[in-house]
N, C-alpha and C. Protein backbone atom coordinates (compact mmCIF):
# COMPACT_ATOMS: atom_id res chain seq x y z
N MET A 1 63.06 21.58 67.79
CA MET A 1 62.46 21.37 66.30
C MET A 1 61.56 22.10 65.82
N ILE A 2 61.52 22.41 64.90
CA ILE A 2 60.64 23.75 63.57
C ILE A 2 59.33 22.87 63.18
N ILE A 3 58.64 23.42 62.74
CA ILE A 3 57.54 22.82 61.47
C ILE A 3 57.68 23.78 60.42
N GLY A 4 57.69 23.87 59.50
CA GLY A 4 58.01 24.79 58.37
C GLY A 4 57.19 24.50 56.97
N LYS A 5 57.36 25.39 56.63
CA LYS A 5 56.97 24.82 54.87
C LYS A 5 57.91 25.80 54.27
N VAL A 6 58.50 24.56 53.27
CA VAL A 6 59.45 25.23 51.83
C VAL A 6 58.59 26.16 51.24
N ILE A 7 59.50 27.16 51.12
CA ILE A 7 58.92 28.18 50.34
C ILE A 7 60.18 28.73 49.33
N GLY A 8 60.61 28.05 49.03
CA GLY A 8 62.18 28.30 47.89
C GLY A 8 63.02 27.55 48.09
N THR A 9 64.46 27.91 47.05
CA THR A 9 65.20 27.64 47.15
C THR A 9 66.69 28.38 47.29
N VAL A 10 67.84 28.41 47.45
CA VAL A 10 69.24 28.78 47.48
C VAL A 10 69.81 28.70 46.68
N TRP A 11 70.58 29.09 45.46
CA TRP A 11 71.67 28.37 44.81
C TRP A 11 73.15 28.98 45.00
N SER A 12 73.86 28.36 44.89
CA SER A 12 75.06 28.77 45.66
C SER A 12 76.13 27.56 44.69
N THR A 13 76.78 28.57 43.72
CA THR A 13 77.80 27.62 43.07
C THR A 13 78.94 27.70 43.53
N LYS A 14 79.53 28.30 44.55
CA LYS A 14 80.71 28.46 45.28
C LYS A 14 80.37 28.07 46.42
N LYS A 15 80.79 27.40 47.32
CA LYS A 15 80.65 26.85 48.67
C LYS A 15 81.85 25.91 49.17
N ASP A 16 82.04 25.50 50.41
CA ASP A 16 82.53 24.53 51.37
C ASP A 16 82.70 23.46 50.27
N GLU A 17 84.04 23.08 50.42
CA GLU A 17 83.81 21.84 49.79
C GLU A 17 82.93 20.83 50.81
N ASN A 18 82.66 20.95 52.13
CA ASN A 18 81.60 19.63 52.79
C ASN A 18 80.40 19.98 52.42
N LEU A 19 79.99 21.02 51.27
CA LEU A 19 78.47 21.17 50.91
C LEU A 19 78.45 20.84 49.65
N VAL A 20 79.47 20.77 49.32
CA VAL A 20 79.05 20.34 47.72
C VAL A 20 77.96 19.14 47.37
N GLY A 21 77.02 19.22 46.78
CA GLY A 21 76.15 18.43 46.32
C GLY A 21 74.78 18.85 47.56
N ALA A 22 74.76 19.74 48.33
CA ALA A 22 73.68 19.68 49.08
C ALA A 22 73.16 20.67 48.66
N LYS A 23 71.57 20.95 48.64
CA LYS A 23 70.25 21.38 48.40
C LYS A 23 70.10 22.16 49.68
N PHE A 24 69.88 23.41 49.28
CA PHE A 24 69.29 24.79 49.98
C PHE A 24 68.07 25.12 50.24
N LEU A 25 67.21 24.88 50.93
CA LEU A 25 66.21 25.43 51.27
C LEU A 25 65.45 26.63 52.09
N ILE A 26 65.01 27.12 51.76
CA ILE A 26 64.17 28.23 52.35
C ILE A 26 62.90 27.62 53.03
N VAL A 27 62.96 27.74 54.76
CA VAL A 27 61.71 27.06 55.07
C VAL A 27 61.03 28.41 55.96
N ARG A 28 60.04 29.05 55.72
CA ARG A 28 59.05 29.48 56.51
C ARG A 28 58.64 28.92 57.63
N GLU A 29 58.70 29.28 59.12
CA GLU A 29 58.47 28.76 60.24
C GLU A 29 56.71 28.98 60.22
N LEU A 30 55.98 27.46 60.66
CA LEU A 30 54.88 27.48 60.86
C LEU A 30 54.70 27.36 62.25
N ASP A 31 53.23 27.62 62.84
CA ASP A 31 52.64 27.71 64.03
C ASP A 31 51.40 26.42 63.56
N LEU A 32 50.82 25.94 65.08
CA LEU A 32 50.43 24.45 65.29
C LEU A 32 49.06 24.33 64.32
N GLU A 33 48.41 25.96 63.77
CA GLU A 33 47.50 25.74 62.71
C GLU A 33 48.29 26.08 61.40
N LEU A 34 49.54 25.62 60.88
CA LEU A 34 49.85 25.60 60.09
C LEU A 34 49.89 27.12 59.41
N LYS A 35 49.91 28.24 60.17
CA LYS A 35 49.73 29.60 59.36
C LYS A 35 51.14 30.36 59.23
N GLU A 36 51.20 30.30 58.49
CA GLU A 36 53.13 31.01 58.29
C GLU A 36 53.23 32.02 59.46
N LYS A 37 54.26 32.21 59.92
CA LYS A 37 55.14 33.12 61.07
C LYS A 37 55.96 33.98 60.54
N SER A 38 56.68 34.89 60.84
CA SER A 38 57.91 35.61 59.86
C SER A 38 59.21 35.60 59.81
N ASN A 39 59.28 34.44 61.08
CA ASN A 39 60.63 34.17 60.99
C ASN A 39 61.18 32.40 59.75
N PHE A 40 62.25 32.57 59.20
CA PHE A 40 62.72 31.56 58.33
C PHE A 40 64.05 31.31 58.42
N VAL A 41 64.07 30.14 58.04
CA VAL A 41 65.61 29.74 58.25
C VAL A 41 65.86 28.85 56.69
N ILE A 42 67.30 29.08 56.33
CA ILE A 42 67.53 28.29 55.24
C ILE A 42 68.13 26.89 56.00
N ALA A 43 67.48 25.98 55.37
CA ALA A 43 68.30 24.43 55.73
C ALA A 43 68.70 23.49 54.68
N VAL A 44 69.57 22.34 55.33
CA VAL A 44 69.81 21.67 54.25
C VAL A 44 68.82 20.62 54.21
N ASP A 45 68.81 20.43 52.58
CA ASP A 45 67.76 18.94 52.81
C ASP A 45 68.04 17.48 52.87
N SER A 46 67.84 17.15 53.73
CA SER A 46 68.34 15.58 53.92
C SER A 46 67.15 14.71 53.33
N VAL A 47 65.71 15.04 52.35
CA VAL A 47 64.77 14.03 52.67
C VAL A 47 64.56 14.07 50.86
N GLY A 48 64.50 15.00 50.55
CA GLY A 48 64.16 15.44 49.28
C GLY A 48 62.94 16.13 49.09
N ALA A 49 63.02 17.16 49.94
CA ALA A 49 61.33 17.89 49.98
C ALA A 49 61.81 18.77 48.84
N GLY A 50 60.21 19.39 48.76
CA GLY A 50 59.75 20.44 47.77
C GLY A 50 58.73 21.29 48.06
N GLU A 51 59.25 22.21 47.15
CA GLU A 51 58.91 23.65 47.02
C GLU A 51 57.23 23.49 47.65
N GLY A 52 56.47 23.91 48.81
CA GLY A 52 55.26 23.96 49.23
C GLY A 52 54.97 22.87 50.24
N GLU A 53 56.25 22.10 50.56
CA GLU A 53 55.58 20.64 51.66
C GLU A 53 56.17 21.46 52.56
N VAL A 54 55.42 20.73 54.05
CA VAL A 54 55.17 20.90 55.10
C VAL A 54 56.22 20.13 56.04
N VAL A 55 57.34 20.45 56.86
CA VAL A 55 58.79 19.97 56.83
C VAL A 55 58.67 20.22 58.29
N LEU A 56 59.75 19.53 58.54
CA LEU A 56 60.44 19.35 60.26
C LEU A 56 61.90 19.34 60.12
N VAL A 57 62.16 20.94 60.80
CA VAL A 57 63.34 21.35 60.42
C VAL A 57 64.22 21.15 62.06
N ALA A 58 65.27 20.52 62.06
CA ALA A 58 66.25 20.51 63.40
C ALA A 58 67.10 21.53 63.11
N THR A 59 68.10 22.14 64.11
CA THR A 59 68.71 23.34 64.24
C THR A 59 69.95 22.65 65.15
N GLY A 60 70.78 23.49 64.67
CA GLY A 60 71.78 23.73 66.09
C GLY A 60 72.71 22.36 65.97
N SER A 61 73.44 22.01 66.80
CA SER A 61 74.35 20.80 66.54
C SER A 61 73.28 19.58 66.38
N SER A 62 71.91 19.82 66.53
CA SER A 62 71.28 18.22 65.97
C SER A 62 71.25 18.26 64.57
N ALA A 63 70.95 19.25 64.12
CA ALA A 63 71.15 19.46 62.52
C ALA A 63 72.65 18.89 62.15
N ARG A 64 73.50 18.43 62.78
CA ARG A 64 74.59 17.55 61.82
C ARG A 64 74.30 15.82 62.21
N GLN A 65 73.37 15.47 62.48
CA GLN A 65 73.43 14.69 63.37
C GLN A 65 72.72 13.35 61.90
N THR A 66 71.86 13.95 60.86
CA THR A 66 71.90 12.97 59.74
C THR A 66 72.87 12.62 59.14
N ASN A 67 72.60 11.56 58.46
CA ASN A 67 73.83 10.68 57.12
C ASN A 67 74.63 11.75 56.76
N PHE A 68 73.79 12.32 56.04
CA PHE A 68 74.50 13.88 54.56
C PHE A 68 75.28 14.74 55.65
N THR A 69 74.44 15.05 56.79
CA THR A 69 75.25 16.53 57.47
C THR A 69 76.03 16.04 58.69
N LYS A 70 76.47 15.02 58.83
CA LYS A 70 77.55 14.66 59.88
C LYS A 70 78.72 15.40 59.66
N ASN A 71 79.49 15.88 60.45
CA ASN A 71 80.94 16.77 60.54
C ASN A 71 80.80 17.85 59.44
N LYS A 72 79.39 18.83 58.97
CA LYS A 72 79.57 19.69 58.05
C LYS A 72 79.00 20.86 58.67
N PRO A 73 79.26 21.44 58.31
CA PRO A 73 79.57 22.99 58.99
C PRO A 73 77.53 23.57 58.60
N ILE A 74 76.93 23.05 59.25
CA ILE A 74 75.44 23.12 59.19
C ILE A 74 75.01 23.45 60.09
N ASP A 75 73.82 23.88 60.37
CA ASP A 75 73.00 24.94 61.34
C ASP A 75 71.32 24.53 61.66
N ALA A 76 71.03 24.24 59.85
CA ALA A 76 69.76 23.42 59.90
C ALA A 76 69.32 22.36 58.58
N VAL A 77 68.70 21.68 59.36
CA VAL A 77 68.81 20.28 58.53
C VAL A 77 66.63 20.10 58.06
N VAL A 78 66.65 19.94 56.87
CA VAL A 78 65.06 19.23 57.10
C VAL A 78 65.40 18.04 57.04
N MET A 79 64.77 17.30 58.06
CA MET A 79 65.38 15.95 58.40
C MET A 79 63.78 15.10 58.56
N ALA A 80 62.69 15.58 57.74
CA ALA A 80 61.24 15.00 57.98
C ALA A 80 60.14 15.73 56.98
N ILE A 81 59.67 15.28 56.24
CA ILE A 81 58.31 15.50 55.35
C ILE A 81 56.94 15.44 56.11
N ILE A 82 56.06 16.65 56.66
CA ILE A 82 55.29 16.06 57.42
C ILE A 82 54.30 15.56 56.51
N ASP A 83 53.44 14.56 56.81
CA ASP A 83 52.00 14.10 56.05
C ASP A 83 50.92 14.65 56.77
N LYS A 84 50.89 14.29 58.13
CA LYS A 84 49.47 15.04 59.13
C LYS A 84 50.14 15.58 60.18
N LEU A 85 49.52 16.14 60.71
CA LEU A 85 50.00 16.73 62.30
C LEU A 85 48.39 16.74 62.90
N ASP A 86 48.70 15.71 64.25
CA ASP A 86 47.52 15.74 65.05
C ASP A 86 48.08 16.45 66.17
N LYS A 87 46.92 17.24 66.78
CA LYS A 87 47.11 17.69 68.13
C LYS A 87 46.21 17.29 68.90
N THR A 88 46.02 17.23 70.46
CA THR A 88 44.94 16.78 70.85
C THR A 88 43.94 17.81 71.34
N GLU A 89 44.94 19.35 71.36
CA GLU A 89 43.98 20.64 72.35
C GLU A 89 42.85 21.74 71.22
């Protein structure tokens, strides 16, 4: 899983019929201090996340395990909006 920040949206008027209704977000990866890294991913939003929010992204086959993404051609999904991050180190 990846911790990231939503930095934008991808608009697509033509897409696979299984993706109709999907909202695509641009998510920049964050480190544990919530500092931006250079990596980013385009992820389908399954929780109603918005720009500027810190989110948890699942990738690979795990991305197809939410109710919305099941059996769809998706490789990354925003599956949670992070309210707080506690670390012990």
